[in-house]
């Protein structure tokens, strides 16, 4: 009798069990939301437009990057009357300029004392009133930095009651990159924003910009060195994986004073005894460094700009970075062309 009752109960359960249909929605973060289909009256898909607070449209044709919010605005207040006010923001929530580097992009805006919070600035016509830098971050450094704005507008306002700052930016850079940004809120004051613009992460490569500004980028494929006991100079030879205006070799010549210096940063216009030139079918950008003899230098094409970084590492490798334009002074007159070189090498010789 007990066994028969169990069979009847089991049969009863089978008769009352039902299959229910659910709609399961899986979100991008992996979570799911379930809805019983019997309880759903209507399903609709709406297309809604949401304005993005920060948009970068690269001039090289890469995909446009858009961000719904600017998480935070950093500000450097003027240290004294007449100083500019500097703003910085990015794509991540950060209360320090170092923290912005973890994001995709950063924008640094400096506005003169005469123009800050005074309304709209014409970026093409009022270049003395501002500076703007767009930084593309990569691996804790900068992939590139743009600072040549050719057109657009910048509007800054300050609400005296709640101290909210409004920034409205629409800027077009020389390479065609377009940046728009809109922010309203109370900024976080910091002492400096220099850390939000880290150095560019260059490989072993040379960038050459011709008189029209067109860029040629060539990799360095080998490096060697030789020493002259007569001149007391070291010649560093770098072979390129291609040509720059018919040149496929870079020569950098450094004195013993530079090679053995404990300094790592050098101003090319005041550092004695270095040479740089591209060699091939012809020599390109062969500028002179100061010789230390003013009467002799007066008649030479002495470079008047540029910087060099030269580091000897404990593991026997070297770091050599040079950046300069083809600008010089001869007999008190300025000469040259808009051509520019960026050279970077890290490794052994």
Protein backbone atom coordinates (compact mmCIF):
# COMPACT_ATOMS: atom_id res chain seq x y z
CA UNK A 1 0.00 0.00 0.00
CA UNK A 2 2.84 2.37 0.84
CA UNK A 3 4.56 1.57 -2.48
CA UNK A 4 1.33 2.20 -4.39
CA UNK A 5 0.86 5.55 -2.68
CA UNK A 6 4.40 6.58 -3.69
CA UNK A 7 3.70 5.71 -7.32
CA UNK A 8 0.52 7.77 -7.28
CA UNK A 9 2.37 10.76 -5.74
CA UNK A 10 5.16 10.56 -8.33
CA UNK A 11 2.69 10.43 -11.15
CA UNK A 12 0.89 13.43 -9.71
CA UNK A 13 4.15 15.45 -9.65
CA UNK A 14 4.86 14.63 -13.27
CA UNK A 15 1.41 15.74 -14.24
CA UNK A 16 1.75 19.13 -12.47
CA UNK A 17 5.35 19.95 -13.66
CA UNK A 18 5.41 22.65 -16.40
CA UNK A 19 8.09 23.92 -18.79
CA UNK A 20 8.43 27.72 -18.49
CA UNK A 21 10.06 29.83 -21.20
CA UNK A 22 12.45 32.59 -20.19
CA UNK A 23 14.18 35.36 -22.13
CA UNK A 24 17.78 35.57 -20.93
CA UNK A 25 19.74 38.78 -21.64
CA UNK A 26 23.52 38.58 -21.22
CA UNK A 27 25.20 41.96 -20.63
CA UNK A 28 28.71 42.93 -21.77
CA UNK A 29 30.03 42.63 -18.21
CA UNK A 30 28.99 38.96 -18.14
CA UNK A 31 25.93 39.33 -15.92
CA UNK A 32 22.54 38.01 -17.02
CA UNK A 33 18.98 39.21 -16.58
CA UNK A 34 16.04 36.74 -16.93
CA UNK A 35 12.42 37.46 -17.79
CA UNK A 36 9.54 34.97 -17.78
CA UNK A 37 8.13 35.14 -21.30
CA UNK A 38 4.52 34.84 -20.04
CA UNK A 39 5.04 38.03 -18.07
CA UNK A 40 6.40 40.04 -21.02
CA UNK A 41 3.80 42.22 -22.70
CA UNK A 42 6.03 43.95 -25.29
CA UNK A 43 9.69 44.10 -26.34
CA UNK A 44 10.99 47.26 -28.02
CA UNK A 45 14.43 48.46 -29.08
CA UNK A 46 14.97 52.22 -28.87
CA UNK A 47 17.85 54.10 -30.51
CA UNK A 48 18.83 56.91 -28.18
CA UNK A 49 21.40 59.63 -28.88
CA UNK A 50 23.72 60.53 -26.04
CA UNK A 51 26.14 63.43 -26.49
CA UNK A 52 29.72 62.50 -25.74
CA UNK A 53 31.68 64.82 -23.47
CA UNK A 54 35.08 64.14 -25.05
CA UNK A 55 35.75 63.07 -28.65
CA UNK A 56 39.03 62.58 -30.52
CA UNK A 57 38.87 62.14 -34.29
CA UNK A 58 42.44 61.31 -35.44
CA UNK A 59 43.66 62.97 -38.58
CA UNK A 60 45.29 59.78 -39.88
CA UNK A 61 41.97 58.01 -40.40
CA UNK A 62 42.05 55.88 -37.25
CA UNK A 63 38.76 55.18 -35.50
CA UNK A 64 37.14 58.05 -33.62
CA UNK A 65 37.32 57.73 -29.83
CA UNK A 66 34.34 59.02 -27.85
CA UNK A 67 33.82 59.25 -24.07
CA UNK A 68 30.49 59.95 -22.38
CA UNK A 69 32.02 61.87 -19.49
CA UNK A 70 35.11 63.77 -18.46
CA UNK A 71 35.57 62.21 -15.02
CA UNK A 72 37.53 65.05 -13.44
CA UNK A 73 39.13 68.39 -14.28
CA UNK A 74 42.51 69.31 -12.81
CA UNK A 75 43.58 72.93 -12.52
CA UNK A 76 46.76 74.86 -11.75
CA UNK A 77 45.90 78.26 -10.34
CA UNK A 78 48.23 81.16 -11.31
CA UNK A 79 51.11 81.51 -8.83
CA UNK A 80 51.16 85.27 -9.30
CA UNK A 81 49.22 87.97 -11.06
CA UNK A 82 49.56 87.69 -14.82
CA UNK A 83 50.30 83.95 -14.91
CA UNK A 84 48.21 81.63 -17.04
CA UNK A 85 45.67 79.18 -15.64
CA UNK A 86 46.26 75.58 -16.72
CA UNK A 87 43.62 72.86 -17.01
CA UNK A 88 44.02 69.14 -17.59
CA UNK A 89 41.66 66.24 -18.13
CA UNK A 90 41.62 62.75 -19.59
CA UNK A 91 39.57 59.62 -19.99
CA UNK A 92 40.00 58.17 -16.49
CA UNK A 93 39.00 59.42 -13.04
CA UNK A 94 42.20 60.82 -11.56
CA UNK A 95 42.97 63.42 -8.92
CA UNK A 96 46.64 63.69 -9.89
CA UNK A 97 48.25 64.41 -13.28
CA UNK A 98 50.18 61.13 -13.04
CA UNK A 99 46.89 59.26 -12.83
CA UNK A 100 45.69 60.58 -16.20
CA UNK A 101 48.46 58.64 -17.97
CA UNK A 102 46.53 55.40 -17.31
CA UNK A 103 43.86 56.51 -19.78
CA UNK A 104 43.69 56.74 -23.56
CA UNK A 105 44.05 60.49 -24.06
CA UNK A 106 44.84 63.64 -22.11
CA UNK A 107 44.27 67.31 -22.91
CA UNK A 108 46.25 70.13 -21.31
CA UNK A 109 44.97 73.68 -21.82
CA UNK A 110 46.76 76.85 -20.72
CA UNK A 111 44.78 80.10 -20.89
CA UNK A 112 46.30 83.54 -20.45
CA UNK A 113 45.30 85.72 -17.52
CA UNK A 114 43.58 88.16 -19.87
CA UNK A 115 41.37 85.50 -21.46
CA UNK A 116 40.61 82.90 -18.79
CA UNK A 117 36.91 82.81 -17.82
CA UNK A 118 36.27 85.65 -20.26
CA UNK A 119 34.34 83.74 -22.90
CA UNK A 120 35.23 82.43 -26.32
CA UNK A 121 38.72 82.41 -27.85
CA UNK A 122 39.28 82.06 -31.59
CA UNK A 123 42.01 79.42 -31.69
CA UNK A 124 43.12 80.36 -35.18
CA UNK A 125 43.38 84.10 -34.58
CA UNK A 126 44.36 84.38 -30.88
CA UNK A 127 47.32 82.01 -30.61
CA UNK A 128 49.02 84.16 -27.96
CA UNK A 129 46.10 83.60 -25.59
CA UNK A 130 46.42 79.83 -25.11
CA UNK A 131 48.33 76.59 -25.60
CA UNK A 132 46.64 73.20 -26.08
CA UNK A 133 48.30 69.79 -26.03
CA UNK A 134 46.62 66.53 -26.98
CA UNK A 135 48.46 63.49 -25.61
CA UNK A 136 47.89 59.91 -26.78
CA UNK A 137 49.08 57.66 -23.94
CA UNK A 138 50.89 54.36 -24.42
CA UNK A 139 52.58 52.10 -21.82
CA UNK A 140 53.03 54.84 -19.24
CA UNK A 141 54.36 57.33 -21.78
CA UNK A 142 53.16 59.28 -24.80
CA UNK A 143 52.59 57.67 -28.17
CA UNK A 144 52.37 61.17 -29.64
CA UNK A 145 51.78 64.77 -28.58
CA UNK A 146 49.95 67.34 -30.73
CA UNK A 147 50.21 71.05 -29.96
CA UNK A 148 49.79 72.89 -33.26
CA UNK A 149 46.17 74.05 -33.33
CA UNK A 150 45.10 75.70 -36.59
CA UNK A 151 41.44 76.48 -35.95
CA UNK A 152 38.54 76.13 -33.53
CA UNK A 153 37.17 77.77 -30.41
CA UNK A 154 37.75 77.56 -26.67
CA UNK A 155 35.28 78.86 -24.12
CA UNK A 156 36.02 79.01 -20.38
CA UNK A 157 33.64 80.24 -17.67
CA UNK A 158 33.66 80.40 -13.87
CA UNK A 159 30.46 80.35 -11.78
CA UNK A 160 31.23 82.70 -8.89
CA UNK A 161 28.52 81.17 -6.71
CA UNK A 162 29.40 77.47 -6.77
CA UNK A 163 32.91 77.76 -8.30
CA UNK A 164 32.00 75.42 -11.15
CA UNK A 165 34.17 75.74 -14.26
CA UNK A 166 32.82 75.36 -17.79
CA UNK A 167 35.13 74.33 -20.62
CA UNK A 168 33.88 74.06 -24.19
CA UNK A 169 36.54 73.07 -26.71
CA UNK A 170 36.50 72.44 -30.44
CA UNK A 171 40.02 72.32 -31.87
CA UNK A 172 41.53 71.18 -35.17
CA UNK A 173 45.24 70.37 -35.19
CA UNK A 174 47.64 70.74 -38.11
CA UNK A 175 47.55 67.01 -38.91
CA UNK A 176 43.75 67.08 -39.22
CA UNK A 177 42.96 65.66 -35.77
CA UNK A 178 39.78 67.16 -34.30
CA UNK A 179 39.06 67.31 -30.57
CA UNK A 180 35.83 68.35 -28.90
CA UNK A 181 35.22 68.51 -25.16
CA UNK A 182 32.51 69.81 -22.83
CA UNK A 183 32.85 69.94 -19.05
CA UNK A 184 30.96 71.61 -16.22
CA UNK A 185 32.00 71.00 -12.62
CA UNK A 186 34.31 71.95 -9.79
CA UNK A 187 37.98 71.31 -10.62
CA UNK A 188 40.63 69.71 -8.44
CA UNK A 189 43.51 72.12 -7.83
CA UNK A 190 47.07 70.77 -8.21
CA UNK A 191 50.51 72.38 -8.15
CA UNK A 192 51.62 71.24 -11.62
CA UNK A 193 50.31 69.39 -14.65
CA UNK A 194 53.69 68.57 -16.18
CA UNK A 195 53.37 64.86 -15.33
CA UNK A 196 50.32 64.44 -17.55
CA UNK A 197 52.56 65.01 -20.60
CA UNK A 198 55.20 62.27 -20.31
CA UNK A 199 57.98 61.75 -22.83
CA UNK A 200 57.23 59.96 -26.09
CA UNK A 201 58.06 56.26 -26.19
CA UNK A 202 60.31 56.15 -29.25
CA UNK A 203 61.86 53.00 -30.64
CA UNK A 204 65.21 52.82 -32.44
CA UNK A 205 64.15 55.16 -35.22
CA UNK A 206 64.61 58.45 -37.02
CA UNK A 207 61.89 60.94 -37.89
CA UNK A 208 62.64 63.45 -40.65
CA UNK A 209 60.29 66.33 -41.45
CA UNK A 210 60.95 68.05 -44.77
CA UNK A 211 60.42 71.70 -45.67
CA UNK A 212 56.69 71.06 -46.15
CA UNK A 213 56.35 69.26 -42.82
CA UNK A 214 55.88 65.81 -44.41
CA UNK A 215 57.16 63.02 -42.16
CA UNK A 216 59.54 60.17 -43.02
CA UNK A 217 60.01 57.52 -40.32
CA UNK A 218 62.82 54.96 -40.69
CA UNK A 219 64.02 52.27 -38.27
CA UNK A 220 67.65 51.92 -37.16
CA UNK A 221 68.82 48.38 -37.99
CA UNK A 222 72.45 48.44 -36.75
CA UNK A 223 74.88 50.57 -34.78
CA UNK A 224 78.67 50.64 -34.47
CA UNK A 225 81.38 52.96 -33.19
CA UNK A 226 84.97 53.93 -33.88
CA UNK A 227 87.43 56.16 -32.02
CA UNK A 228 90.04 58.63 -33.24
CA UNK A 229 92.97 59.14 -30.88
CA UNK A 230 93.92 62.18 -32.98
CA UNK A 231 90.65 64.10 -32.67
CA UNK A 232 89.68 62.51 -29.33
CA UNK A 233 86.24 61.89 -30.75
CA UNK A 234 83.95 58.85 -31.03
CA UNK A 235 82.03 58.30 -34.26
CA UNK A 236 78.71 56.49 -33.89
CA UNK A 237 77.40 55.01 -37.13
CA UNK A 238 73.75 53.98 -37.54
CA UNK A 239 72.43 52.09 -40.57
CA UNK A 240 68.81 52.74 -41.55
CA UNK A 241 66.19 50.38 -42.95
CA UNK A 242 65.46 52.72 -45.85
CA UNK A 243 66.30 56.13 -47.23
CA UNK A 244 65.74 59.68 -46.04
CA UNK A 245 66.22 61.96 -49.04
CA UNK A 246 68.79 59.55 -50.47
CA UNK A 247 70.54 58.99 -47.15
CA UNK A 248 70.66 55.62 -45.39
CA UNK A 249 73.29 56.23 -42.69
CA UNK A 250 73.33 58.50 -39.66
CA UNK A 251 76.59 59.67 -38.11
CA UNK A 252 76.80 61.17 -34.64
CA UNK A 253 80.24 62.32 -33.50
CA UNK A 254 80.87 63.08 -29.83
CA UNK A 255 83.91 64.38 -27.94
CA UNK A 256 85.45 62.61 -24.96
CA UNK A 257 83.97 65.33 -22.75
CA UNK A 258 80.46 64.32 -23.83
CA UNK A 259 81.14 60.56 -23.81
CA UNK A 260 82.55 60.71 -20.27
CA UNK A 261 80.26 63.37 -18.85
CA UNK A 262 78.17 62.71 -15.76
CA UNK A 263 75.51 64.96 -17.30
CA UNK A 264 72.78 63.36 -19.38
CA UNK A 265 70.95 66.38 -20.82
CA UNK A 266 72.64 68.72 -23.31
CA UNK A 267 71.56 71.89 -25.11
CA UNK A 268 72.92 71.54 -28.64
CA UNK A 269 73.34 75.29 -29.14
CA UNK A 270 75.79 75.56 -26.25
CA UNK A 271 77.44 72.10 -26.17
CA UNK A 272 80.91 72.05 -27.75
CA UNK A 273 82.23 69.30 -30.01
CA UNK A 274 79.33 67.23 -31.41
CA UNK A 275 78.34 66.55 -35.03
CA UNK A 276 75.30 65.02 -36.72
CA UNK A 277 74.62 64.30 -40.36
CA UNK A 278 72.72 61.97 -42.67
CA UNK A 279 74.94 60.40 -45.33
CA UNK A 280 74.25 58.69 -48.63
CA UNK A 281 74.01 60.21 -52.08
CA UNK A 282 74.52 63.53 -50.32
CA UNK A 283 74.91 64.87 -46.82
CA UNK A 284 71.74 66.19 -45.22
CA UNK A 285 71.27 68.49 -42.22
CA UNK A 286 74.97 68.87 -41.49
CA UNK A 287 74.99 71.53 -38.79
CA UNK A 288 77.90 72.74 -36.69
CA UNK A 289 78.16 72.73 -32.95
CA UNK A 290 80.02 75.51 -31.15
CA UNK A 291 83.80 75.03 -31.21
CA UNK A 292 84.47 77.19 -28.19
CA UNK A 293 86.30 79.75 -30.32
CA UNK A 294 83.91 82.68 -30.78
CA UNK A 295 85.96 84.27 -33.57
CA UNK A 296 85.83 81.01 -35.54
CA UNK A 297 82.21 80.23 -34.78
CA UNK A 298 81.15 83.62 -36.07
CA UNK A 299 81.71 82.46 -39.66
CA UNK A 300 80.18 79.00 -39.22
CA UNK A 301 76.57 77.82 -39.39
CA UNK A 302 76.21 77.22 -35.63
CA UNK A 303 72.99 75.52 -34.56
CA UNK A 304 70.74 77.72 -32.41
CA UNK A 305 68.28 75.12 -31.10
CA UNK A 306 67.83 71.50 -30.10
CA UNK A 307 68.56 69.10 -27.29
CA UNK A 308 70.39 65.84 -26.75
CA UNK A 309 70.13 63.11 -24.14
CA UNK A 310 73.11 60.77 -23.75
CA UNK A 311 73.13 58.08 -21.05
CA UNK A 312 75.58 55.24 -20.36
CA UNK A 313 73.73 52.41 -18.60
CA UNK A 314 75.29 50.00 -16.13
CA UNK A 315 74.61 47.06 -18.46
CA UNK A 316 76.86 48.52 -21.17
CA UNK A 317 74.05 49.92 -23.33
CA UNK A 318 73.57 53.55 -24.32
CA UNK A 319 70.65 55.89 -24.75
CA UNK A 320 71.00 58.60 -27.38
CA UNK A 321 68.21 61.02 -28.22
CA UNK A 322 68.51 64.14 -30.38
CA UNK A 323 65.87 66.59 -31.56
CA UNK A 324 66.59 69.73 -33.57
CA UNK A 325 65.57 71.77 -36.60
CA UNK A 326 67.74 73.07 -39.44
CA UNK A 327 68.13 76.49 -37.87
CA UNK A 328 71.45 78.22 -37.34
CA UNK A 329 73.17 81.56 -36.83
CA UNK A 330 76.04 82.75 -39.01
CA UNK A 331 77.72 86.16 -38.74
CA UNK A 332 74.88 87.27 -36.52
CA UNK A 333 72.21 86.34 -39.05
CA UNK A 334 69.63 83.61 -38.63
CA UNK A 335 69.36 81.02 -41.40
CA UNK A 336 68.08 77.55 -42.14
CA UNK A 337 64.96 75.74 -43.28
CA UNK A 338 61.91 74.21 -41.55
CA UNK A 339 63.44 70.70 -41.77
CA UNK A 340 63.49 68.83 -38.47
CA UNK A 341 65.05 65.64 -37.06
CA UNK A 342 64.08 63.39 -34.17
CA UNK A 343 66.62 60.62 -33.53
CA UNK A 344 66.41 57.90 -30.87
CA UNK A 345 68.57 54.84 -30.16
CA UNK A 346 68.82 52.54 -27.14
CA UNK A 347 71.29 49.66 -27.29
CA UNK A 348 74.95 48.77 -27.64
CA UNK A 349 77.59 49.75 -30.20
